[in-house]
């Protein structure tokens, strides 16, 4: 059984026991989250598609940990103009573990 959910403007495939990497959540480790914006639910042979969301469906998850991804370097350069800028950025993410998919 799996579900497609929309969380914080992005779509994820949620399976029971799976760990999903989402944008940073301001919640404590071990906090429970209910995601009610379920787009699709499949239990093997039967598929329910929402318009836009499946009514009564929700995904229950637990916050595992927050971390920062590796640094992304942004380099701007214009030839023959002596212009160059280097800017670094690290995105923050949170891992959540899917506990249950309820219909």
N, C-alpha and C. Protein backbone atom coordinates (compact mmCIF):
# COMPACT_ATOMS: atom_id res chain seq x y z
N UNK A 1 0.85 -1.18 0.00
CA UNK A 1 0.00 0.00 0.00
C UNK A 1 0.89 1.23 0.00
N UNK A 2 0.54 2.18 -0.86
CA UNK A 2 1.28 3.43 -0.88
C UNK A 2 0.32 4.57 -1.17
N UNK A 3 0.79 5.78 -0.91
CA UNK A 3 -0.01 6.98 -1.15
C UNK A 3 0.88 8.08 -1.69
N UNK A 4 0.31 8.91 -2.53
CA UNK A 4 0.99 10.11 -2.99
C UNK A 4 0.43 11.27 -2.20
N UNK A 5 1.31 12.00 -1.51
CA UNK A 5 0.87 13.10 -0.65
C UNK A 5 1.51 14.40 -1.10
N UNK A 6 0.83 15.47 -0.80
CA UNK A 6 1.37 16.80 -1.04
C UNK A 6 1.68 17.41 0.32
N UNK A 7 2.94 17.79 0.52
CA UNK A 7 3.35 18.35 1.82
C UNK A 7 4.29 19.52 1.58
N UNK A 8 3.92 20.67 2.09
CA UNK A 8 4.71 21.89 1.95
C UNK A 8 4.98 22.22 0.49
N UNK A 9 3.97 22.02 -0.37
CA UNK A 9 4.07 22.40 -1.77
C UNK A 9 4.78 21.41 -2.67
N UNK A 10 5.19 20.25 -2.15
CA UNK A 10 5.87 19.24 -2.94
C UNK A 10 5.16 17.91 -2.79
N UNK A 11 5.33 17.02 -3.75
CA UNK A 11 4.66 15.73 -3.73
C UNK A 11 5.65 14.62 -3.41
N UNK A 12 5.20 13.67 -2.57
CA UNK A 12 6.05 12.56 -2.14
C UNK A 12 5.27 11.26 -2.21
N UNK A 13 5.99 10.17 -2.42
CA UNK A 13 5.40 8.84 -2.38
C UNK A 13 5.63 8.28 -0.98
N UNK A 14 4.55 7.96 -0.28
CA UNK A 14 4.63 7.49 1.10
C UNK A 14 4.22 6.03 1.17
N UNK A 15 5.11 5.19 1.69
CA UNK A 15 4.82 3.79 1.95
C UNK A 15 5.02 3.55 3.43
N UNK A 16 4.31 2.58 3.99
CA UNK A 16 4.43 2.31 5.41
C UNK A 16 5.86 1.90 5.75
N UNK A 17 6.45 2.60 6.72
CA UNK A 17 7.82 2.33 7.14
C UNK A 17 8.89 3.09 6.37
N UNK A 18 8.50 3.81 5.31
CA UNK A 18 9.47 4.53 4.50
C UNK A 18 9.90 5.83 5.18
N UNK A 19 11.12 6.25 4.90
CA UNK A 19 11.64 7.52 5.40
C UNK A 19 11.63 8.52 4.25
N UNK A 20 10.99 9.67 4.48
CA UNK A 20 10.85 10.69 3.45
C UNK A 20 11.64 11.92 3.89
N UNK A 21 12.39 12.50 2.96
CA UNK A 21 13.16 13.71 3.22
C UNK A 21 12.35 14.91 2.73
N UNK A 22 11.88 15.74 3.68
CA UNK A 22 11.05 16.90 3.35
C UNK A 22 11.77 18.17 3.78
N UNK A 23 11.25 19.33 3.36
CA UNK A 23 11.81 20.59 3.81
C UNK A 23 11.70 20.68 5.33
N UNK A 24 12.53 21.51 5.95
CA UNK A 24 12.63 21.55 7.40
C UNK A 24 11.29 21.83 8.08
N UNK A 25 11.02 21.06 9.13
CA UNK A 25 9.82 21.21 9.94
C UNK A 25 10.27 21.67 11.32
N UNK A 26 9.59 22.66 11.87
CA UNK A 26 9.90 23.10 13.22
C UNK A 26 9.12 22.26 14.23
N UNK A 27 9.58 21.03 14.42
CA UNK A 27 8.96 20.11 15.37
C UNK A 27 10.05 19.31 16.06
N UNK A 28 9.75 18.85 17.25
CA UNK A 28 10.70 18.06 18.03
C UNK A 28 10.85 16.66 17.44
N UNK A 29 11.97 16.03 17.72
CA UNK A 29 12.19 14.66 17.30
C UNK A 29 11.18 13.77 18.02
N UNK A 30 10.49 12.92 17.28
CA UNK A 30 9.48 12.04 17.85
C UNK A 30 8.07 12.59 17.79
N UNK A 31 7.90 13.83 17.30
CA UNK A 31 6.56 14.42 17.19
C UNK A 31 5.80 13.74 16.06
N UNK A 32 4.48 13.61 16.26
CA UNK A 32 3.63 12.97 15.26
C UNK A 32 3.02 14.02 14.35
N UNK A 33 2.94 13.69 13.05
CA UNK A 33 2.40 14.60 12.04
C UNK A 33 1.31 13.86 11.27
N UNK A 34 0.19 14.53 11.02
CA UNK A 34 -0.86 13.98 10.17
C UNK A 34 -0.88 14.78 8.87
N UNK A 35 -0.74 14.10 7.76
CA UNK A 35 -0.79 14.74 6.44
C UNK A 35 -2.12 14.34 5.81
N UNK A 36 -2.99 15.33 5.63
CA UNK A 36 -4.33 15.04 5.12
C UNK A 36 -4.50 15.37 3.65
N UNK A 37 -3.48 15.93 3.02
CA UNK A 37 -3.56 16.24 1.59
C UNK A 37 -3.02 15.06 0.78
N UNK A 38 -3.84 14.00 0.72
CA UNK A 38 -3.48 12.77 0.02
C UNK A 38 -4.07 12.84 -1.38
N UNK A 39 -3.22 12.72 -2.39
CA UNK A 39 -3.64 12.82 -3.78
C UNK A 39 -4.10 11.49 -4.36
N UNK A 40 -3.48 10.39 -3.93
CA UNK A 40 -3.76 9.08 -4.49
C UNK A 40 -3.45 8.02 -3.45
N UNK A 41 -4.28 6.96 -3.39
CA UNK A 41 -4.04 5.84 -2.49
C UNK A 41 -4.16 4.56 -3.31
N UNK A 42 -3.17 3.67 -3.17
CA UNK A 42 -3.20 2.39 -3.87
C UNK A 42 -2.93 1.28 -2.86
N UNK A 43 -3.78 0.24 -2.89
CA UNK A 43 -3.57 -0.91 -2.00
C UNK A 43 -3.34 -2.19 -2.80
N UNK A 44 -2.58 -2.08 -3.86
CA UNK A 44 -2.24 -3.24 -4.67
C UNK A 44 -3.04 -3.30 -5.95
N UNK A 45 -4.34 -3.65 -5.84
CA UNK A 45 -5.16 -3.77 -7.04
C UNK A 45 -6.18 -2.65 -7.17
N UNK A 46 -6.48 -1.94 -6.10
CA UNK A 46 -7.47 -0.86 -6.13
C UNK A 46 -6.78 0.48 -5.94
N UNK A 47 -7.12 1.44 -6.82
CA UNK A 47 -6.51 2.77 -6.75
C UNK A 47 -7.61 3.80 -6.57
N UNK A 48 -7.42 4.71 -5.60
CA UNK A 48 -8.35 5.82 -5.40
C UNK A 48 -7.62 7.12 -5.72
N UNK A 49 -8.19 7.88 -6.63
CA UNK A 49 -7.60 9.16 -7.03
C UNK A 49 -8.50 10.27 -6.54
N UNK A 50 -7.92 11.27 -5.89
CA UNK A 50 -8.70 12.39 -5.37
C UNK A 50 -8.92 13.47 -6.40
N UNK A 51 -9.86 14.36 -6.07
CA UNK A 51 -10.14 15.49 -6.96
C UNK A 51 -10.30 16.75 -6.11
N UNK A 52 -9.30 17.41 -5.63
CA UNK A 52 -7.87 17.10 -5.76
C UNK A 52 -7.36 16.14 -4.69
N UNK A 53 -8.09 15.96 -3.56
CA UNK A 53 -7.60 15.10 -2.49
C UNK A 53 -8.59 13.96 -2.25
N UNK A 54 -8.08 12.84 -1.73
CA UNK A 54 -8.92 11.70 -1.37
C UNK A 54 -9.58 12.01 -0.04
N UNK A 55 -10.91 11.95 -0.01
CA UNK A 55 -11.65 12.28 1.21
C UNK A 55 -11.44 11.20 2.27
N UNK A 56 -11.16 11.64 3.49
CA UNK A 56 -11.01 10.72 4.61
C UNK A 56 -9.66 10.04 4.71
N UNK A 57 -8.79 10.26 3.76
CA UNK A 57 -7.47 9.61 3.78
C UNK A 57 -6.46 10.52 4.47
N UNK A 58 -5.57 9.90 5.25
CA UNK A 58 -4.48 10.66 5.85
C UNK A 58 -3.29 9.75 6.08
N UNK A 59 -2.14 10.38 6.13
CA UNK A 59 -0.88 9.67 6.36
C UNK A 59 -0.33 10.15 7.70
N UNK A 60 -0.03 9.20 8.57
CA UNK A 60 0.53 9.52 9.88
C UNK A 60 2.03 9.27 9.84
N UNK A 61 2.79 10.26 10.30
CA UNK A 61 4.25 10.17 10.26
C UNK A 61 4.85 10.66 11.56
N UNK A 62 6.11 10.29 11.79
CA UNK A 62 6.85 10.70 12.98
C UNK A 62 8.13 11.39 12.54
N UNK A 63 8.44 12.52 13.18
CA UNK A 63 9.66 13.27 12.86
C UNK A 63 10.85 12.51 13.40
N UNK A 64 11.84 12.26 12.53
CA UNK A 64 13.04 11.54 12.94
C UNK A 64 14.16 12.50 13.33
N UNK A 65 14.70 13.24 12.38
CA UNK A 65 15.76 14.19 12.69
C UNK A 65 15.84 15.25 11.60
N UNK A 66 16.47 16.37 11.95
CA UNK A 66 16.69 17.46 11.00
C UNK A 66 18.18 17.54 10.69
N UNK A 67 18.49 17.93 9.48
CA UNK A 67 19.90 18.02 9.09
C UNK A 67 20.04 19.04 7.97
N UNK A 68 21.29 19.37 7.67
CA UNK A 68 21.59 20.28 6.57
C UNK A 68 22.28 19.49 5.47
N UNK A 69 21.88 19.75 4.24
CA UNK A 69 22.44 19.06 3.09
C UNK A 69 23.83 19.60 2.80
N UNK A 70 24.53 18.98 1.85
CA UNK A 70 25.86 19.45 1.50
C UNK A 70 25.78 20.84 0.87
N UNK A 71 26.87 21.56 0.93
CA UNK A 71 26.90 22.94 0.44
C UNK A 71 26.82 22.99 -1.07
N UNK A 72 26.00 23.91 -1.55
CA UNK A 72 25.88 24.17 -2.99
C UNK A 72 26.57 25.50 -3.24
N UNK A 73 27.53 25.52 -4.15
CA UNK A 73 28.25 26.74 -4.48
C UNK A 73 27.67 27.37 -5.73
N UNK A 74 27.35 28.65 -5.64
CA UNK A 74 26.83 29.40 -6.78
C UNK A 74 27.92 30.38 -7.19
N UNK A 75 28.41 30.24 -8.42
CA UNK A 75 29.50 31.07 -8.91
C UNK A 75 29.01 31.90 -10.09
N UNK A 76 29.10 33.22 -9.96
CA UNK A 76 28.74 34.12 -11.04
C UNK A 76 30.02 34.70 -11.63
N UNK A 77 30.04 34.82 -12.96
CA UNK A 77 31.25 35.25 -13.63
C UNK A 77 30.89 35.92 -14.95
N UNK A 78 31.53 37.05 -15.23
CA UNK A 78 31.38 37.70 -16.52
C UNK A 78 32.78 37.89 -17.11
N UNK A 79 32.95 37.37 -18.30
CA UNK A 79 34.28 37.39 -18.90
C UNK A 79 34.70 38.82 -19.28
N UNK A 80 35.96 39.08 -19.14
CA UNK A 80 36.61 40.35 -19.53
C UNK A 80 36.13 41.55 -18.71
N UNK A 81 35.36 41.34 -17.66
CA UNK A 81 34.83 42.47 -16.87
C UNK A 81 35.33 42.44 -15.42
N UNK A 82 36.19 41.48 -15.08
CA UNK A 82 36.73 41.35 -13.74
C UNK A 82 35.61 41.25 -12.70
N UNK A 83 34.59 40.47 -13.02
CA UNK A 83 33.45 40.28 -12.12
C UNK A 83 33.30 38.79 -11.81
N UNK A 84 33.34 38.45 -10.53
CA UNK A 84 33.05 37.09 -10.09
C UNK A 84 32.59 37.12 -8.65
N UNK A 85 31.58 36.32 -8.36
CA UNK A 85 31.02 36.21 -7.02
C UNK A 85 30.85 34.73 -6.70
N UNK A 86 31.16 34.37 -5.47
CA UNK A 86 30.99 33.00 -5.01
C UNK A 86 30.08 33.04 -3.79
N UNK A 87 29.00 32.30 -3.87
CA UNK A 87 28.02 32.29 -2.78
C UNK A 87 27.70 30.84 -2.43
N UNK A 88 27.77 30.49 -1.15
CA UNK A 88 27.46 29.13 -0.70
C UNK A 88 26.11 29.07 -0.01
N UNK A 89 25.47 27.90 -0.10
CA UNK A 89 24.15 27.73 0.48
C UNK A 89 23.95 26.28 0.91
N UNK A 90 23.39 26.08 2.11
CA UNK A 90 23.08 24.74 2.59
C UNK A 90 21.60 24.67 2.93
N UNK A 91 20.88 23.78 2.26
CA UNK A 91 19.44 23.63 2.49
C UNK A 91 19.22 22.76 3.72
N UNK A 92 18.17 23.06 4.49
CA UNK A 92 17.83 22.30 5.69
C UNK A 92 16.67 21.37 5.39
N UNK A 93 16.79 20.12 5.84
CA UNK A 93 15.78 19.09 5.60
C UNK A 93 15.43 18.39 6.90
N UNK A 94 14.31 17.67 6.88
CA UNK A 94 13.87 16.84 8.00
C UNK A 94 13.48 15.48 7.45
N UNK A 95 13.90 14.43 8.13
CA UNK A 95 13.47 13.08 7.78
C UNK A 95 12.23 12.74 8.59
N UNK A 96 11.20 12.23 7.90
CA UNK A 96 10.01 11.75 8.62
C UNK A 96 9.78 10.29 8.22
N UNK A 97 9.34 9.49 9.19
CA UNK A 97 9.05 8.07 8.94
C UNK A 97 7.55 7.88 8.91
N UNK A 98 7.07 7.26 7.83
CA UNK A 98 5.63 7.02 7.66
C UNK A 98 5.22 5.87 8.55
N UNK A 99 4.27 6.13 9.46
CA UNK A 99 3.77 5.13 10.39
C UNK A 99 2.59 4.35 9.81
N UNK A 100 1.64 5.08 9.23
CA UNK A 100 0.41 4.42 8.78
C UNK A 100 -0.25 5.24 7.68
N UNK A 101 -0.97 4.54 6.81
CA UNK A 101 -1.80 5.19 5.79
C UNK A 101 -3.23 4.78 6.09
N UNK A 102 -4.05 5.76 6.49
CA UNK A 102 -5.43 5.47 6.89
C UNK A 102 -6.40 5.99 5.85
N UNK A 103 -7.44 5.20 5.58
CA UNK A 103 -8.48 5.61 4.64
C UNK A 103 -9.68 6.10 5.39
